[in-house]
Amino acid sequence: MESVQSPATATTPHLGLRERKKIKTRQAIRTATYRLIAAQGYEGTTVEQIAEAAEVSPSTVFRYFPTKEDIVLTEEYDPLLEDALTNRPADESLVESLRQVMHHVLRDQYENHADEVRVRSRLLNEVPALRARMLESFSLTTAMLCRVIAARTGRDAGELEVRAVAMGLIGAMSQTTLYWAEHHHEDNLSDLVDRALSPFANGFAL
């Protein structure tokens, strides 16, 4: 794999002080959430407890995360993925671009938040409310990927074919996370990403 910066590494130095403080606060909330969940379970963890552990007010928690589910689902990489995909080589296939970006994101996550990555995937697999919220959040990620596809192909972002491809790729990534958790994190997650994206690049045959 070619050596490039991860989306977070490539973008963070250009953020202003206010933006960096927001990221730090979000991460403090998220870290507190995972620590509490590990001790007392997802259902037993309240927003009030999270706020106290993160040393912020409950209103601050809700300002950054509309629901408790969003604390688990939202990652700092989410707003950076569009830029990362847009900055991939113009002659590279969309599937290869997504594969490369996901590899770098996962590498960065493993280096800095390996335990959280595993806990997050396990919770997505075990907590129905999280899976439901994940499905609701697909609309925003689908819209982002539709914009990337439209820019690459010159097609309209609202076309059925563009939306179908975007949703298919997003679904593949979400199922990869669930599959990884179902199999007790025994597989290499980057390898699973390659497996999930392979049918889009090479066609699917039993």
C-alpha atoms as a PDB file:
ATOM      1  CA  MET A   1       0.000   0.000   0.000  1.00  0.00           C
ATOM      2  CA  GLU A   2       1.338   3.423  -0.839  1.00  0.00           C
ATOM      3  CA  SER A   3       2.433   5.559   2.090  1.00  0.00           C
ATOM      4  CA  VAL A   4       0.224   8.623   2.530  1.00  0.00           C
ATOM      5  CA  GLN A   5      -1.222  10.461   5.477  1.00  0.00           C
ATOM      6  CA  SER A   6      -4.471   9.331   6.987  1.00  0.00           C
ATOM      7  CA  PRO A   7      -7.410  11.743   6.588  1.00  0.00           C
ATOM      8  CA  ALA A   8      -7.123  12.885  10.185  1.00  0.00           C
ATOM      9  CA  THR A   9      -3.357  13.365  10.046  1.00  0.00           C
ATOM     10  CA  ALA A  10      -3.533  15.213   6.746  1.00  0.00           C
ATOM     11  CA  THR A  11      -6.257  17.616   7.832  1.00  0.00           C
ATOM     12  CA  THR A  12      -5.827  18.297  11.542  1.00  0.00           C
ATOM     13  CA  PRO A  13      -2.806  20.666  11.261  1.00  0.00           C
ATOM     14  CA  HIS A  14      -4.951  23.066   9.198  1.00  0.00           C
ATOM     15  CA  LEU A  15      -7.720  23.291  11.808  1.00  0.00           C
ATOM     16  CA  GLY A  16      -8.023  26.417  13.936  1.00  0.00           C
ATOM     17  CA  LEU A  17      -7.830  26.466  17.719  1.00  0.00           C
ATOM     18  CA  ARG A  18     -11.608  26.446  18.095  1.00  0.00           C
ATOM     19  CA  GLU A  19     -11.998  23.412  15.846  1.00  0.00           C
ATOM     20  CA  ARG A  20      -9.221  21.552  17.662  1.00  0.00           C
ATOM     21  CA  LYS A  21     -10.915  22.264  21.001  1.00  0.00           C
ATOM     22  CA  LYS A  22     -14.170  20.864  19.637  1.00  0.00           C
ATOM     23  CA  ILE A  23     -12.430  17.687  18.540  1.00  0.00           C
ATOM     24  CA  LYS A  24     -10.781  17.387  21.959  1.00  0.00           C
ATOM     25  CA  THR A  25     -14.142  17.797  23.708  1.00  0.00           C
ATOM     26  CA  ARG A  26     -15.844  15.245  21.462  1.00  0.00           C
ATOM     27  CA  GLN A  27     -13.042  12.769  22.087  1.00  0.00           C
ATOM     28  CA  ALA A  28     -13.253  13.318  25.858  1.00  0.00           C
ATOM     29  CA  ILE A  29     -16.988  12.598  25.742  1.00  0.00           C
ATOM     30  CA  ARG A  30     -16.447   9.519  23.617  1.00  0.00           C
ATOM     31  CA  THR A  31     -13.633   8.185  25.811  1.00  0.00           C
ATOM     32  CA  ALA A  32     -15.750   8.638  28.938  1.00  0.00           C
ATOM     33  CA  THR A  33     -18.643   6.871  27.251  1.00  0.00           C
ATOM     34  CA  TYR A  34     -16.610   3.799  26.349  1.00  0.00           C
ATOM     35  CA  ARG A  35     -15.086   3.653  29.826  1.00  0.00           C
ATOM     36  CA  LEU A  36     -18.527   3.713  31.457  1.00  0.00           C
ATOM     37  CA  ILE A  37     -19.974   1.200  29.009  1.00  0.00           C
ATOM     38  CA  ALA A  38     -17.105  -1.183  29.723  1.00  0.00           C
ATOM     39  CA  ALA A  39     -17.886  -0.953  33.450  1.00  0.00           C
ATOM     40  CA  GLN A  40     -21.682  -0.998  33.477  1.00  0.00           C
ATOM     41  CA  GLY A  41     -22.991  -1.773  29.983  1.00  0.00           C
ATOM     42  CA  TYR A  42     -24.591   0.376  27.310  1.00  0.00           C
ATOM     43  CA  GLU A  43     -28.112   0.449  28.713  1.00  0.00           C
ATOM     44  CA  GLY A  44     -26.856   1.224  32.215  1.00  0.00           C
ATOM     45  CA  THR A  45     -24.892   4.258  31.063  1.00  0.00           C
ATOM     46  CA  THR A  46     -26.704   7.609  31.085  1.00  0.00           C
ATOM     47  CA  VAL A  47     -25.864  10.909  29.427  1.00  0.00           C
ATOM     48  CA  GLU A  48     -25.646  12.494  32.873  1.00  0.00           C
ATOM     49  CA  GLN A  49     -22.991   9.981  33.899  1.00  0.00           C
ATOM     50  CA  ILE A  50     -21.115  10.556  30.648  1.00  0.00           C
ATOM     51  CA  ALA A  51     -21.154  14.314  31.185  1.00  0.00           C
ATOM     52  CA  GLU A  52     -19.823  13.975  34.724  1.00  0.00           C
ATOM     53  CA  ALA A  53     -17.048  11.590  33.636  1.00  0.00           C
ATOM     54  CA  ALA A  54     -16.051  13.887  30.756  1.00  0.00           C
ATOM     55  CA  GLU A  55     -16.234  16.947  33.026  1.00  0.00           C
ATOM     56  CA  VAL A  56     -18.777  18.744  30.855  1.00  0.00           C
ATOM     57  CA  SER A  57     -22.472  19.535  31.232  1.00  0.00           C
ATOM     58  CA  PRO A  58     -25.217  17.289  29.812  1.00  0.00           C
ATOM     59  CA  SER A  59     -26.170  20.158  27.504  1.00  0.00           C
ATOM     60  CA  THR A  60     -22.619  20.130  26.118  1.00  0.00           C
ATOM     61  CA  VAL A  61     -22.899  16.404  25.421  1.00  0.00           C
ATOM     62  CA  PHE A  62     -26.129  16.981  23.511  1.00  0.00           C
ATOM     63  CA  ARG A  63     -24.614  19.921  21.642  1.00  0.00           C
ATOM     64  CA  TYR A  64     -21.980  17.608  20.199  1.00  0.00           C
ATOM     65  CA  PHE A  65     -24.073  14.428  19.998  1.00  0.00           C
ATOM     66  CA  PRO A  66     -27.880  14.646  19.544  1.00  0.00           C
ATOM     67  CA  THR A  67     -28.406  11.168  21.060  1.00  0.00           C
ATOM     68  CA  LYS A  68     -26.432   8.716  23.181  1.00  0.00           C
ATOM     69  CA  GLU A  69     -26.246   6.458  20.135  1.00  0.00           C
ATOM     70  CA  ASP A  70     -24.464   9.194  18.200  1.00  0.00           C
ATOM     71  CA  ILE A  71     -21.603   9.216  20.720  1.00  0.00           C
ATOM     72  CA  VAL A  72     -20.772   5.668  19.663  1.00  0.00           C
ATOM     73  CA  LEU A  73     -21.527   6.102  15.972  1.00  0.00           C
ATOM     74  CA  THR A  74     -19.923   9.475  15.213  1.00  0.00           C
ATOM     75  CA  GLU A  75     -16.203   9.488  14.465  1.00  0.00           C
ATOM     76  CA  GLU A  76     -13.771  12.321  13.823  1.00  0.00           C
ATOM     77  CA  TYR A  77     -13.145  10.821  10.389  1.00  0.00           C
ATOM     78  CA  ASP A  78     -16.704  11.296   9.174  1.00  0.00           C
ATOM     79  CA  PRO A  79     -16.368  14.924   7.974  1.00  0.00           C
ATOM     80  CA  LEU A  80     -12.905  14.213   6.535  1.00  0.00           C
ATOM     81  CA  LEU A  81     -13.793  11.272   4.309  1.00  0.00           C
ATOM     82  CA  GLU A  82     -15.220  13.417   1.522  1.00  0.00           C
ATOM     83  CA  ASP A  83     -12.022  15.450   1.281  1.00  0.00           C
ATOM     84  CA  ALA A  84      -9.904  12.297   1.433  1.00  0.00           C
ATOM     85  CA  LEU A  85     -11.867  10.649  -1.388  1.00  0.00           C
ATOM     86  CA  THR A  86     -11.906  13.828  -3.470  1.00  0.00           C
ATOM     87  CA  ASN A  87      -8.132  14.118  -3.185  1.00  0.00           C
ATOM     88  CA  ARG A  88      -7.453  10.616  -4.479  1.00  0.00           C
ATOM     89  CA  PRO A  89      -5.994  10.393  -8.045  1.00  0.00           C
ATOM     90  CA  ALA A  90      -8.572  11.316 -10.681  1.00  0.00           C
ATOM     91  CA  ASP A  91      -7.822   8.224 -12.766  1.00  0.00           C
ATOM     92  CA  GLU A  92      -8.271   5.845  -9.824  1.00  0.00           C
ATOM     93  CA  SER A  93     -11.461   3.806  -9.628  1.00  0.00           C
ATOM     94  CA  LEU A  94     -13.966   4.811  -6.956  1.00  0.00           C
ATOM     95  CA  VAL A  95     -13.717   1.383  -5.307  1.00  0.00           C
ATOM     96  CA  GLU A  96      -9.921   1.602  -5.106  1.00  0.00           C
ATOM     97  CA  SER A  97     -10.141   5.129  -3.706  1.00  0.00           C
ATOM     98  CA  LEU A  98     -12.534   3.979  -0.993  1.00  0.00           C
ATOM     99  CA  ARG A  99     -10.326   0.984  -0.237  1.00  0.00           C
ATOM    100  CA  GLN A 100      -7.229   3.154   0.162  1.00  0.00           C
ATOM    101  CA  VAL A 101      -9.004   5.726   2.337  1.00  0.00           C
ATOM    102  CA  MET A 102     -10.507   3.040   4.579  1.00  0.00           C
ATOM    103  CA  HIS A 103      -7.112   1.361   4.985  1.00  0.00           C
ATOM    104  CA  HIS A 104      -5.556   4.604   6.178  1.00  0.00           C
ATOM    105  CA  VAL A 105      -8.474   5.379   8.487  1.00  0.00           C
ATOM    106  CA  LEU A 106      -8.309   1.918  10.021  1.00  0.00           C
ATOM    107  CA  ARG A 107      -4.552   2.097  10.429  1.00  0.00           C
ATOM    108  CA  ASP A 108      -4.887   5.398  12.284  1.00  0.00           C
ATOM    109  CA  GLN A 109      -7.697   4.058  14.452  1.00  0.00           C
ATOM    110  CA  TYR A 110      -5.696   0.979  15.396  1.00  0.00           C
ATOM    111  CA  GLU A 111      -2.662   3.055  16.313  1.00  0.00           C
ATOM    112  CA  ASN A 112      -4.633   5.448  18.523  1.00  0.00           C
ATOM    113  CA  HIS A 113      -7.957   3.888  19.541  1.00  0.00           C
ATOM    114  CA  ALA A 114      -7.731   0.111  19.037  1.00  0.00           C
ATOM    115  CA  ASP A 115      -9.834  -0.803  22.095  1.00  0.00           C
ATOM    116  CA  GLU A 116     -12.543   1.699  21.152  1.00  0.00           C
ATOM    117  CA  VAL A 117     -12.715   0.316  17.622  1.00  0.00           C
ATOM    118  CA  ARG A 118     -13.379  -3.188  18.929  1.00  0.00           C
ATOM    119  CA  VAL A 119     -15.901  -2.022  21.545  1.00  0.00           C
ATOM    120  CA  ARG A 120     -17.728   0.100  18.980  1.00  0.00           C
ATOM    121  CA  SER A 121     -18.090  -2.793  16.548  1.00  0.00           C
ATOM    122  CA  ARG A 122     -19.263  -5.113  19.325  1.00  0.00           C
ATOM    123  CA  LEU A 123     -21.882  -2.608  20.478  1.00  0.00           C
ATOM    124  CA  LEU A 124     -23.144  -2.154  16.926  1.00  0.00           C
ATOM    125  CA  ASN A 125     -23.594  -5.899  16.739  1.00  0.00           C
ATOM    126  CA  GLU A 126     -25.306  -6.237  20.114  1.00  0.00           C
ATOM    127  CA  VAL A 127     -27.408  -3.084  20.675  1.00  0.00           C
ATOM    128  CA  PRO A 128     -30.509  -2.761  18.437  1.00  0.00           C
ATOM    129  CA  ALA A 129     -30.821   0.983  19.114  1.00  0.00           C
ATOM    130  CA  LEU A 130     -27.335   1.535  17.733  1.00  0.00           C
ATOM    131  CA  ARG A 131     -28.019  -0.459  14.569  1.00  0.00           C
ATOM    132  CA  ALA A 132     -31.237   1.486  14.036  1.00  0.00           C
ATOM    133  CA  ARG A 133     -29.469   4.809  14.489  1.00  0.00           C
ATOM    134  CA  MET A 134     -26.724   3.654  12.130  1.00  0.00           C
ATOM    135  CA  LEU A 135     -29.313   3.026   9.424  1.00  0.00           C
ATOM    136  CA  GLU A 136     -30.755   6.516  10.006  1.00  0.00           C
ATOM    137  CA  SER A 137     -27.308   8.054   9.628  1.00  0.00           C
ATOM    138  CA  PHE A 138     -26.756   6.382   6.263  1.00  0.00           C
ATOM    139  CA  SER A 139     -28.577   9.216   4.495  1.00  0.00           C
ATOM    140  CA  LEU A 140     -25.824  11.725   5.302  1.00  0.00           C
ATOM    141  CA  THR A 141     -23.003   9.382   4.328  1.00  0.00           C
ATOM    142  CA  THR A 142     -24.857   8.356   1.170  1.00  0.00           C
ATOM    143  CA  ALA A 143     -25.244  12.013   0.169  1.00  0.00           C
ATOM    144  CA  MET A 144     -21.525  12.552   0.701  1.00  0.00           C
ATOM    145  CA  LEU A 145     -20.552   9.573  -1.417  1.00  0.00           C
ATOM    146  CA  CYS A 146     -23.059  10.571  -4.096  1.00  0.00           C
ATOM    147  CA  ARG A 147     -21.287  13.922  -4.387  1.00  0.00           C
ATOM    148  CA  VAL A 148     -17.944  12.174  -4.769  1.00  0.00           C
ATOM    149  CA  ILE A 149     -19.307   9.816  -7.443  1.00  0.00           C
ATOM    150  CA  ALA A 150     -20.980  12.684  -9.292  1.00  0.00           C
ATOM    151  CA  ALA A 151     -17.741  14.676  -9.330  1.00  0.00           C
ATOM    152  CA  ARG A 152     -15.827  11.646 -10.615  1.00  0.00           C
ATOM    153  CA  THR A 153     -18.292  10.713 -13.342  1.00  0.00           C
ATOM    154  CA  GLY A 154     -19.930  13.966 -14.365  1.00  0.00           C
ATOM    155  CA  ARG A 155     -23.331  12.522 -13.492  1.00  0.00           C
ATOM    156  CA  ASP A 156     -25.974  14.051 -11.279  1.00  0.00           C
ATOM    157  CA  ALA A 157     -25.678  13.169  -7.585  1.00  0.00           C
ATOM    158  CA  GLY A 158     -29.416  12.461  -7.456  1.00  0.00           C
ATOM    159  CA  GLU A 159     -29.439   9.841 -10.225  1.00  0.00           C
ATOM    160  CA  LEU A 160     -30.731   6.433  -9.204  1.00  0.00           C
ATOM    161  CA  GLU A 161     -27.605   4.638 -10.387  1.00  0.00           C
ATOM    162  CA  VAL A 162     -25.353   6.992  -8.410  1.00  0.00           C
ATOM    163  CA  ARG A 163     -27.436   6.576  -5.271  1.00  0.00           C
ATOM    164  CA  ALA A 164     -27.538   2.796  -5.689  1.00  0.00           C
ATOM    165  CA  VAL A 165     -23.759   2.527  -5.982  1.00  0.00           C
ATOM    166  CA  ALA A 166     -23.208   4.843  -3.012  1.00  0.00           C
ATOM    167  CA  MET A 167     -25.628   2.922  -0.794  1.00  0.00           C
ATOM    168  CA  GLY A 168     -24.125  -0.387  -1.867  1.00  0.00           C
ATOM    169  CA  LEU A 169     -20.621   0.704  -0.880  1.00  0.00           C
ATOM    170  CA  ILE A 170     -21.773   2.142   2.442  1.00  0.00           C
ATOM    171  CA  GLY A 171     -23.729  -1.024   3.178  1.00  0.00           C
ATOM    172  CA  ALA A 172     -20.638  -3.089   2.424  1.00  0.00           C
ATOM    173  CA  MET A 173     -18.598  -1.125   4.947  1.00  0.00           C
ATOM    174  CA  SER A 174     -21.241  -1.367   7.672  1.00  0.00           C
ATOM    175  CA  GLN A 175     -21.643  -5.112   7.142  1.00  0.00           C
ATOM    176  CA  THR A 176     -17.873  -5.500   7.323  1.00  0.00           C
ATOM    177  CA  THR A 177     -17.899  -3.994  10.816  1.00  0.00           C
ATOM    178  CA  LEU A 178     -20.752  -6.246  11.942  1.00  0.00           C
ATOM    179  CA  TYR A 179     -19.116  -9.352  10.445  1.00  0.00           C
ATOM    180  CA  TRP A 180     -15.851  -8.532  12.213  1.00  0.00           C
ATOM    181  CA  ALA A 181     -17.622  -8.298  15.575  1.00  0.00           C
ATOM    182  CA  GLU A 182     -19.662 -11.459  14.965  1.00  0.00           C
ATOM    183  CA  HIS A 183     -16.400 -13.349  14.437  1.00  0.00           C
ATOM    184  CA  HIS A 184     -14.881 -11.986  17.665  1.00  0.00           C
ATOM    185  CA  HIS A 185     -12.434  -9.651  15.890  1.00  0.00           C
ATOM    186  CA  GLU A 186     -10.329 -12.617  14.796  1.00  0.00           C
ATOM    187  CA  ASP A 187      -9.884 -11.344  11.228  1.00  0.00           C
ATOM    188  CA  ASN A 188      -7.801  -8.418  10.086  1.00  0.00           C
ATOM    189  CA  LEU A 189     -10.291  -5.600   9.511  1.00  0.00           C
ATOM    190  CA  SER A 190      -8.404  -4.181   6.521  1.00  0.00           C
ATOM    191  CA  ASP A 191      -8.495  -7.616   4.876  1.00  0.00           C
ATOM    192  CA  LEU A 192     -12.256  -7.750   5.455  1.00  0.00           C
ATOM    193  CA  VAL A 193     -12.613  -4.348   3.787  1.00  0.00           C
ATOM    194  CA  ASP A 194     -10.817  -5.748   0.743  1.00  0.00           C
ATOM    195  CA  ARG A 195     -13.127  -8.781   0.698  1.00  0.00           C
ATOM    196  CA  ALA A 196     -16.253  -6.645   1.000  1.00  0.00           C
ATOM    197  CA  LEU A 197     -15.200  -4.295  -1.809  1.00  0.00           C
ATOM    198  CA  SER A 198     -13.948  -7.025  -4.135  1.00  0.00           C
ATOM    199  CA  PRO A 199     -17.387  -7.799  -5.667  1.00  0.00           C
ATOM    200  CA  PHE A 200     -17.793  -4.136  -6.606  1.00  0.00           C
ATOM    201  CA  ALA A 201     -14.467  -4.158  -8.430  1.00  0.00           C
ATOM    202  CA  ASN A 202     -14.505  -7.654  -9.912  1.00  0.00           C
ATOM    203  CA  GLY A 203     -18.141  -8.698 -10.066  1.00  0.00           C
ATOM    204  CA  PHE A 204     -19.838 -11.297  -7.887  1.00  0.00           C
ATOM    205  CA  ALA A 205     -19.901 -14.996  -8.677  1.00  0.00           C
ATOM    206  CA  LEU A 206     -20.648 -17.959  -6.461  1.00  0.00           C
END
